Amino acid sequence: MTDTIHDSLELAAGIPIVVIVPALVELAKRQGLPDRFAGIGALVIATVLLVLGDVALGRMAGIDWGVRIATWVLGGIVYGLAAAGLYSQRGILLPRDRSIPDVS
């Protein structure tokens, strides 16, 4: 029962990651990250945020490192891809050209 609650809490904690990652990728792009590396950047940022979350919550004592690293990598891939999908949808929903169209 407690494993189910713990898994649900980890899933809910991932929601802000999916929202924060596109903003951090955009910041990295404005600092010079090429567009072609934005997807990989999303994966790396999501993974780093998961690691930092575990450190902040004090989950580092007495852990099985193999399982924890696998969780970070898999979670980083899942949340990074979800964030990259959210990021790409932003481009579809918001027009890139914000100029007034010529109707003549």
N, C-alpha and C. Protein backbone atom coordinates (compact mmCIF):
# COMPACT_ATOMS: atom_id res chain seq x y z
N MET A 1 0.82 -1.20 0.00
CA MET A 1 0.00 0.00 0.00
C MET A 1 0.87 1.26 0.00
N THR A 2 1.90 1.28 0.83
CA THR A 2 2.75 2.46 0.88
C THR A 2 3.54 2.64 -0.41
N ASP A 3 3.85 1.53 -1.12
CA ASP A 3 4.53 1.65 -2.41
C ASP A 3 3.64 2.36 -3.42
N THR A 4 2.34 2.07 -3.39
CA THR A 4 1.40 2.72 -4.30
C THR A 4 1.31 4.21 -4.01
N ILE A 5 1.27 4.56 -2.73
CA ILE A 5 1.21 5.97 -2.36
C ILE A 5 2.50 6.67 -2.77
N HIS A 6 3.64 6.02 -2.52
CA HIS A 6 4.94 6.61 -2.89
C HIS A 6 5.02 6.81 -4.39
N ASP A 7 4.58 5.82 -5.18
CA ASP A 7 4.60 5.95 -6.65
C ASP A 7 3.69 7.07 -7.12
N SER A 8 2.53 7.22 -6.49
CA SER A 8 1.60 8.29 -6.86
C SER A 8 2.19 9.66 -6.55
N LEU A 9 2.88 9.77 -5.41
CA LEU A 9 3.51 11.03 -5.06
C LEU A 9 4.63 11.37 -6.04
N GLU A 10 5.41 10.38 -6.45
CA GLU A 10 6.47 10.64 -7.44
C GLU A 10 5.89 11.07 -8.77
N LEU A 11 4.78 10.47 -9.17
CA LEU A 11 4.14 10.85 -10.42
C LEU A 11 3.62 12.29 -10.33
N ALA A 12 3.00 12.64 -9.22
CA ALA A 12 2.49 14.00 -9.05
C ALA A 12 3.63 15.01 -8.99
N ALA A 13 4.76 14.61 -8.42
CA ALA A 13 5.92 15.51 -8.35
C ALA A 13 6.50 15.75 -9.74
N GLY A 14 6.26 14.86 -10.67
CA GLY A 14 6.78 15.01 -12.02
C GLY A 14 6.04 16.04 -12.85
N ILE A 15 4.83 16.39 -12.45
CA ILE A 15 4.05 17.36 -13.21
C ILE A 15 4.75 18.71 -13.29
N PRO A 16 5.26 19.25 -12.17
CA PRO A 16 6.00 20.52 -12.31
C PRO A 16 7.25 20.39 -13.18
N ILE A 17 7.86 19.22 -13.19
CA ILE A 17 9.05 19.03 -14.03
C ILE A 17 8.68 19.22 -15.50
N VAL A 18 7.55 18.68 -15.91
CA VAL A 18 7.12 18.79 -17.30
C VAL A 18 6.83 20.24 -17.66
N VAL A 19 6.44 21.04 -16.68
CA VAL A 19 6.16 22.45 -16.93
C VAL A 19 7.44 23.28 -16.89
N ILE A 20 8.36 22.94 -16.00
CA ILE A 20 9.59 23.72 -15.82
C ILE A 20 10.62 23.46 -16.93
N VAL A 21 10.69 22.21 -17.39
CA VAL A 21 11.72 21.85 -18.37
C VAL A 21 11.64 22.69 -19.65
N PRO A 22 10.47 22.89 -20.27
CA PRO A 22 10.46 23.71 -21.49
C PRO A 22 10.96 25.14 -21.24
N ALA A 23 10.67 25.69 -20.08
CA ALA A 23 11.16 27.03 -19.77
C ALA A 23 12.69 27.04 -19.65
N LEU A 24 13.24 26.02 -19.03
CA LEU A 24 14.70 25.94 -18.90
C LEU A 24 15.38 25.67 -20.24
N VAL A 25 14.72 24.87 -21.09
CA VAL A 25 15.27 24.63 -22.43
C VAL A 25 15.25 25.93 -23.24
N GLU A 26 14.18 26.67 -23.13
CA GLU A 26 14.11 27.96 -23.83
C GLU A 26 15.20 28.91 -23.33
N LEU A 27 15.43 28.91 -22.03
CA LEU A 27 16.49 29.73 -21.47
C LEU A 27 17.86 29.30 -22.01
N ALA A 28 18.07 27.99 -22.08
CA ALA A 28 19.34 27.48 -22.62
C ALA A 28 19.50 27.85 -24.09
N LYS A 29 18.40 27.81 -24.85
CA LYS A 29 18.48 28.19 -26.26
C LYS A 29 18.82 29.66 -26.41
N ARG A 30 18.28 30.48 -25.54
CA ARG A 30 18.59 31.91 -25.60
C ARG A 30 20.03 32.20 -25.19
N GLN A 31 20.62 31.26 -24.46
CA GLN A 31 22.02 31.39 -24.06
C GLN A 31 22.97 30.77 -25.08
N GLY A 32 22.41 30.20 -26.17
CA GLY A 32 23.25 29.70 -27.24
C GLY A 32 23.12 28.23 -27.56
N LEU A 33 22.25 27.50 -26.88
CA LEU A 33 22.05 26.08 -27.21
C LEU A 33 21.41 25.96 -28.59
N PRO A 34 22.02 25.24 -29.52
CA PRO A 34 21.42 25.08 -30.84
C PRO A 34 20.07 24.36 -30.76
N ASP A 35 19.16 24.72 -31.64
CA ASP A 35 17.82 24.13 -31.65
C ASP A 35 17.85 22.61 -31.76
N ARG A 36 18.80 22.08 -32.50
CA ARG A 36 18.84 20.64 -32.72
C ARG A 36 19.15 19.87 -31.44
N PHE A 37 19.70 20.53 -30.43
CA PHE A 37 20.01 19.88 -29.16
C PHE A 37 18.96 20.13 -28.09
N ALA A 38 17.85 20.75 -28.44
CA ALA A 38 16.81 21.07 -27.46
C ALA A 38 16.20 19.80 -26.86
N GLY A 39 16.00 18.77 -27.66
CA GLY A 39 15.43 17.52 -27.14
C GLY A 39 16.35 16.85 -26.13
N ILE A 40 17.63 16.79 -26.46
CA ILE A 40 18.60 16.20 -25.54
C ILE A 40 18.71 17.08 -24.29
N GLY A 41 18.64 18.37 -24.48
CA GLY A 41 18.66 19.28 -23.34
C GLY A 41 17.49 19.04 -22.40
N ALA A 42 16.31 18.77 -22.97
CA ALA A 42 15.14 18.48 -22.15
C ALA A 42 15.34 17.21 -21.32
N LEU A 43 15.94 16.18 -21.93
CA LEU A 43 16.21 14.94 -21.19
C LEU A 43 17.19 15.17 -20.05
N VAL A 44 18.25 15.90 -20.34
CA VAL A 44 19.27 16.15 -19.31
C VAL A 44 18.70 17.00 -18.18
N ILE A 45 17.98 18.04 -18.52
CA ILE A 45 17.41 18.92 -17.50
C ILE A 45 16.42 18.16 -16.63
N ALA A 46 15.56 17.34 -17.24
CA ALA A 46 14.60 16.56 -16.45
C ALA A 46 15.31 15.60 -15.51
N THR A 47 16.37 14.96 -15.99
CA THR A 47 17.13 14.03 -15.14
C THR A 47 17.77 14.76 -13.98
N VAL A 48 18.38 15.90 -14.25
CA VAL A 48 19.02 16.68 -13.19
C VAL A 48 17.98 17.13 -12.16
N LEU A 49 16.80 17.55 -12.61
CA LEU A 49 15.76 17.96 -11.67
C LEU A 49 15.29 16.80 -10.80
N LEU A 50 15.22 15.59 -11.37
CA LEU A 50 14.85 14.43 -10.57
C LEU A 50 15.90 14.13 -9.50
N VAL A 51 17.16 14.21 -9.87
CA VAL A 51 18.25 13.97 -8.91
C VAL A 51 18.20 15.02 -7.81
N LEU A 52 18.06 16.28 -8.18
CA LEU A 52 18.00 17.35 -7.19
C LEU A 52 16.79 17.20 -6.28
N GLY A 53 15.68 16.74 -6.83
CA GLY A 53 14.49 16.50 -6.00
C GLY A 53 14.74 15.43 -4.95
N ASP A 54 15.40 14.35 -5.35
CA ASP A 54 15.72 13.30 -4.38
C ASP A 54 16.68 13.80 -3.31
N VAL A 55 17.66 14.58 -3.70
CA VAL A 55 18.61 15.13 -2.73
C VAL A 55 17.88 16.07 -1.77
N ALA A 56 17.01 16.92 -2.30
CA ALA A 56 16.28 17.87 -1.46
C ALA A 56 15.34 17.17 -0.48
N LEU A 57 14.78 16.04 -0.89
CA LEU A 57 13.85 15.31 -0.02
C LEU A 57 14.56 14.34 0.90
N GLY A 58 15.88 14.27 0.82
CA GLY A 58 16.64 13.41 1.71
C GLY A 58 16.50 11.94 1.43
N ARG A 59 16.35 11.57 0.18
CA ARG A 59 16.17 10.16 -0.18
C ARG A 59 17.49 9.47 -0.52
N MET A 60 18.60 10.02 -0.09
CA MET A 60 19.89 9.49 -0.50
C MET A 60 20.48 8.49 0.50
N ALA A 61 19.97 8.45 1.71
CA ALA A 61 20.54 7.57 2.75
C ALA A 61 20.03 6.15 2.58
N GLY A 62 20.96 5.20 2.56
CA GLY A 62 20.60 3.79 2.53
C GLY A 62 19.84 3.35 1.30
N ILE A 63 20.23 3.84 0.15
CA ILE A 63 19.50 3.48 -1.07
C ILE A 63 20.32 2.50 -1.90
N ASP A 64 19.63 1.79 -2.74
CA ASP A 64 20.29 0.92 -3.73
C ASP A 64 20.61 1.82 -4.93
N TRP A 65 21.89 2.12 -5.10
CA TRP A 65 22.31 3.08 -6.13
C TRP A 65 21.92 2.65 -7.53
N GLY A 66 21.99 1.37 -7.82
CA GLY A 66 21.62 0.90 -9.15
C GLY A 66 20.16 1.20 -9.47
N VAL A 67 19.31 0.92 -8.51
CA VAL A 67 17.87 1.19 -8.70
C VAL A 67 17.61 2.69 -8.80
N ARG A 68 18.27 3.46 -7.96
CA ARG A 68 18.04 4.91 -7.95
C ARG A 68 18.51 5.54 -9.25
N ILE A 69 19.68 5.14 -9.74
CA ILE A 69 20.19 5.70 -11.00
C ILE A 69 19.27 5.31 -12.16
N ALA A 70 18.82 4.05 -12.16
CA ALA A 70 17.89 3.62 -13.21
C ALA A 70 16.59 4.43 -13.15
N THR A 71 16.12 4.72 -11.95
CA THR A 71 14.91 5.52 -11.79
C THR A 71 15.12 6.93 -12.32
N TRP A 72 16.29 7.50 -12.01
CA TRP A 72 16.58 8.86 -12.51
C TRP A 72 16.67 8.88 -14.03
N VAL A 73 17.35 7.91 -14.60
CA VAL A 73 17.52 7.89 -16.07
C VAL A 73 16.18 7.66 -16.76
N LEU A 74 15.43 6.67 -16.30
CA LEU A 74 14.13 6.39 -16.91
C LEU A 74 13.17 7.55 -16.71
N GLY A 75 13.15 8.09 -15.49
CA GLY A 75 12.28 9.25 -15.23
C GLY A 75 12.68 10.45 -16.06
N GLY A 76 13.99 10.67 -16.22
CA GLY A 76 14.46 11.79 -17.03
C GLY A 76 14.04 11.64 -18.48
N ILE A 77 14.08 10.41 -18.98
CA ILE A 77 13.64 10.17 -20.36
C ILE A 77 12.14 10.43 -20.49
N VAL A 78 11.35 9.89 -19.58
CA VAL A 78 9.89 10.05 -19.65
C VAL A 78 9.50 11.52 -19.51
N TYR A 79 9.99 12.17 -18.45
CA TYR A 79 9.62 13.57 -18.23
C TYR A 79 10.23 14.49 -19.29
N GLY A 80 11.43 14.18 -19.75
CA GLY A 80 12.05 14.99 -20.79
C GLY A 80 11.29 14.91 -22.10
N LEU A 81 10.86 13.70 -22.47
CA LEU A 81 10.08 13.55 -23.70
C LEU A 81 8.71 14.20 -23.57
N ALA A 82 8.11 14.08 -22.39
CA ALA A 82 6.82 14.73 -22.16
C ALA A 82 6.97 16.25 -22.26
N ALA A 83 8.03 16.77 -21.68
CA ALA A 83 8.27 18.21 -21.74
C ALA A 83 8.58 18.65 -23.17
N ALA A 84 9.35 17.85 -23.91
CA ALA A 84 9.66 18.18 -25.30
C ALA A 84 8.39 18.19 -26.13
N GLY A 85 7.47 17.28 -25.84
CA GLY A 85 6.19 17.26 -26.54
C GLY A 85 5.37 18.50 -26.22
N LEU A 86 5.38 18.90 -24.97
CA LEU A 86 4.68 20.12 -24.57
C LEU A 86 5.31 21.32 -25.25
N TYR A 87 6.64 21.32 -25.32
CA TYR A 87 7.37 22.42 -25.94
C TYR A 87 7.04 22.50 -27.44
N SER A 88 6.97 21.36 -28.11
CA SER A 88 6.67 21.39 -29.55
C SER A 88 5.22 21.81 -29.81
N GLN A 89 4.33 21.48 -28.90
CA GLN A 89 2.93 21.90 -29.06
C GLN A 89 2.80 23.42 -28.93
N ARG A 90 3.66 24.02 -28.13
CA ARG A 90 3.64 25.47 -27.99
C ARG A 90 3.88 26.12 -29.35
N GLY A 91 4.78 25.55 -30.14
CA GLY A 91 5.06 26.09 -31.46
C GLY A 91 3.89 25.95 -32.41
N ILE A 92 3.08 24.92 -32.21
CA ILE A 92 1.92 24.71 -33.07
C ILE A 92 0.79 25.66 -32.67
N LEU A 93 0.61 25.84 -31.36
CA LEU A 93 -0.50 26.65 -30.89
C LEU A 93 -0.26 28.15 -31.02
N LEU A 94 0.98 28.57 -30.85
CA LEU A 94 1.30 29.99 -30.95
C LEU A 94 2.00 30.26 -32.28
N PRO A 95 1.48 31.19 -33.05
CA PRO A 95 2.15 31.48 -34.33
C PRO A 95 3.51 32.13 -34.09
N ARG A 96 4.47 31.75 -34.92
CA ARG A 96 5.82 32.31 -34.79
C ARG A 96 5.87 33.73 -35.34
N ASP A 97 5.13 33.99 -36.41
CA ASP A 97 5.12 35.31 -37.02
C ASP A 97 3.98 36.11 -36.40
N ARG A 98 4.32 37.08 -35.60
CA ARG A 98 3.30 37.86 -34.92
C ARG A 98 3.00 39.18 -35.63
N SER A 99 3.47 39.30 -36.88
CA SER A 99 3.22 40.53 -37.63
C SER A 99 1.78 40.54 -38.14
N ILE A 100 1.33 41.70 -38.49
CA ILE A 100 -0.03 41.84 -39.01
C ILE A 100 -0.05 41.34 -40.45
N PRO A 101 -0.95 40.39 -40.76
CA PRO A 101 -0.97 39.86 -42.13
C PRO A 101 -1.46 40.89 -43.13
N ASP A 102 -0.95 40.79 -44.34
CA ASP A 102 -1.35 41.68 -45.42
C ASP A 102 -2.61 41.10 -46.06
N VAL A 103 -3.70 41.83 -46.00
CA VAL A 103 -4.97 41.36 -46.54
C VAL A 103 -5.31 41.95 -47.89
N SER A 104 -4.41 42.70 -48.47
CA SER A 104 -4.72 43.32 -49.77
C SER A 104 -4.52 42.38 -50.92
